[in-house]
Structures are given as C-alpha cells and as structure tokens.
Protein backbone atom coordinates (compact mmCIF):
# COMPACT_ATOMS: atom_id res chain seq x y z
CA UNK A 1 -3.93 18.34 -20.85
CA UNK A 2 -3.08 16.10 -17.88
CA UNK A 3 -4.58 12.57 -18.12
CA UNK A 4 -6.95 11.41 -15.14
CA UNK A 5 -3.96 9.62 -13.28
CA UNK A 6 -1.93 12.37 -13.38
CA UNK A 7 -4.63 14.92 -12.40
CA UNK A 8 -5.88 12.93 -9.47
CA UNK A 9 -2.20 12.57 -8.31
CA UNK A 10 -2.22 16.48 -8.57
CA UNK A 11 -4.35 16.58 -5.71
CA UNK A 12 -3.60 13.47 -3.65
CA UNK A 13 -3.89 14.13 0.01
CA UNK A 14 -1.11 13.10 2.16
CA UNK A 15 -1.69 12.23 5.67
CA UNK A 16 1.39 10.11 6.59
CA UNK A 17 4.87 9.28 5.63
CA UNK A 18 3.47 6.18 3.98
CA UNK A 19 1.23 8.47 1.70
CA UNK A 20 4.05 10.64 0.75
CA UNK A 21 6.17 7.63 -0.24
CA UNK A 22 3.63 6.02 -2.12
CA UNK A 23 2.95 9.32 -3.85
CA UNK A 24 6.67 9.72 -4.54
CA UNK A 25 6.82 6.23 -6.19
CA UNK A 26 3.55 6.35 -8.11
CA UNK A 27 4.67 9.92 -9.71
CA UNK A 28 8.38 8.31 -10.29
CA UNK A 29 7.25 5.37 -11.99
CA UNK A 30 4.56 7.38 -14.07
CA UNK A 31 7.41 9.30 -15.30
CA UNK A 32 9.51 6.30 -16.17
CA UNK A 33 12.19 7.47 -13.86
CA UNK A 34 14.17 4.60 -12.04
CA UNK A 35 14.94 4.86 -8.46
CA UNK A 36 18.56 5.04 -9.36
CA UNK A 37 17.98 7.83 -11.46
CA UNK A 38 15.98 9.91 -9.03
CA UNK A 39 18.40 9.11 -6.28
CA UNK A 40 21.34 10.72 -8.46
CA UNK A 41 19.43 13.74 -9.25
CA UNK A 42 18.73 14.11 -5.59
CA UNK A 43 22.20 13.43 -4.36
CA UNK A 44 21.07 10.64 -2.37
CA UNK A 45 21.40 7.04 -2.11
CA UNK A 46 19.06 4.42 -3.82
CA UNK A 47 18.37 3.04 -0.54
CA UNK A 48 17.34 6.19 0.95
CA UNK A 49 14.85 6.77 -1.94
CA UNK A 50 13.36 3.15 -1.15
CA UNK A 51 13.20 3.92 2.36
CA UNK A 52 11.19 7.00 1.71
CA UNK A 53 9.10 5.45 -0.96
CA UNK A 54 8.25 2.88 1.79
CA UNK A 55 7.15 5.41 4.20
CA UNK A 56 9.88 5.55 6.54
CA UNK A 57 8.75 8.19 8.95
CA UNK A 58 12.23 9.80 9.74
CA UNK A 59 13.30 10.85 6.25
CA UNK A 60 14.45 14.52 5.97
CA UNK A 61 11.69 16.79 5.28
CA UNK A 62 13.76 19.05 2.84
CA UNK A 63 14.98 15.82 0.76
CA UNK A 64 11.31 14.68 0.54
CA UNK A 65 10.14 18.19 -0.84
CA UNK A 66 13.29 18.09 -3.13
CA UNK A 67 12.23 14.65 -4.49
CA UNK A 68 8.50 16.27 -4.99
CA UNK A 69 10.12 19.46 -7.05
CA UNK A 70 12.30 16.93 -9.07
CA UNK A 71 8.83 15.10 -9.89
CA UNK A 72 7.18 18.41 -10.98
CA UNK A 73 5.13 18.72 -7.80
CA UNK A 74 5.27 20.69 -4.44
CA UNK A 75 3.73 20.10 -1.01
CA UNK A 76 0.95 22.30 -0.08
CA UNK A 77 -0.60 22.58 3.22
CA UNK A 78 -4.40 22.74 3.49
CA UNK A 79 -6.97 22.29 6.18
CA UNK A 80 -8.16 19.09 6.74
CA UNK A 81 -11.88 18.26 5.46
CA UNK A 82 -14.24 17.92 8.06
CA UNK A 83 -15.85 14.34 8.17
CA UNK A 84 -19.11 13.83 6.43
CA UNK A 85 -22.02 13.46 9.06
CA UNK A 86 -23.22 9.74 8.75
CA UNK A 87 -26.91 9.94 9.54
CA UNK A 88 -27.55 6.17 9.59
CA UNK A 89 -24.59 5.66 12.19
CA UNK A 90 -25.65 8.53 14.38
CA UNK A 91 -29.23 6.81 14.31
CA UNK A 92 -27.95 3.59 15.19
CA UNK A 93 -26.03 5.22 18.22
CA UNK A 94 -29.25 6.65 19.18
CA UNK A 95 -30.98 3.67 19.02
CA UNK A 96 -28.33 1.48 20.94
CA UNK A 97 -29.09 4.24 23.98
CA UNK A 98 -32.85 3.27 24.16
C-alpha cells in the first residue's frame, strides 16, 4: 500500500515545466536515487537532469517521459478542472458596479 506522499505524487497536476521538474526531483529523492544515478540510467548528463528538475522549459519531451518511466510513473493528459465559482468574489464585483 502506498504512503500518503506517494499516493499524492501519483496524481500530481503538472501545469508547467517547473511542476514537471519538481515532480521528478521529489520522486527521485523519495526513492533514494541520486541525480548521477538517474542520469546514468537515462543516458544523459547530471547537468541535463539538474536543468530538467529546475524547470528548464526546453528539455526534450522524450527524455522527460523516460525519466518519469524510470521512476515508475507516466504522463497522462486530462481535462483541466474548471475553476470553482467564488460567490464572495462575484458579490464583491457586483457591489463595486453600484
């Protein structure tokens, strides 16, 4: 059974390269893998992995997906959730119009 941190990581929304990098770093550390070890498994430099973990927006998608696979995860596209309606903000907007 997965612990709470791992379960949360299984469903982490990734909206940016920074989110993806943070996820890879967090999961790598959770598994006790060094940057050098993961980089060697992927056939990339430690510098490339460091840049990916720091959210570099131009990393190669295929390598990022390989990093996820190596860590036991996959990328899954899902519809973005609709923002919750904030009734208080709406009422405040209406009050300002008056």
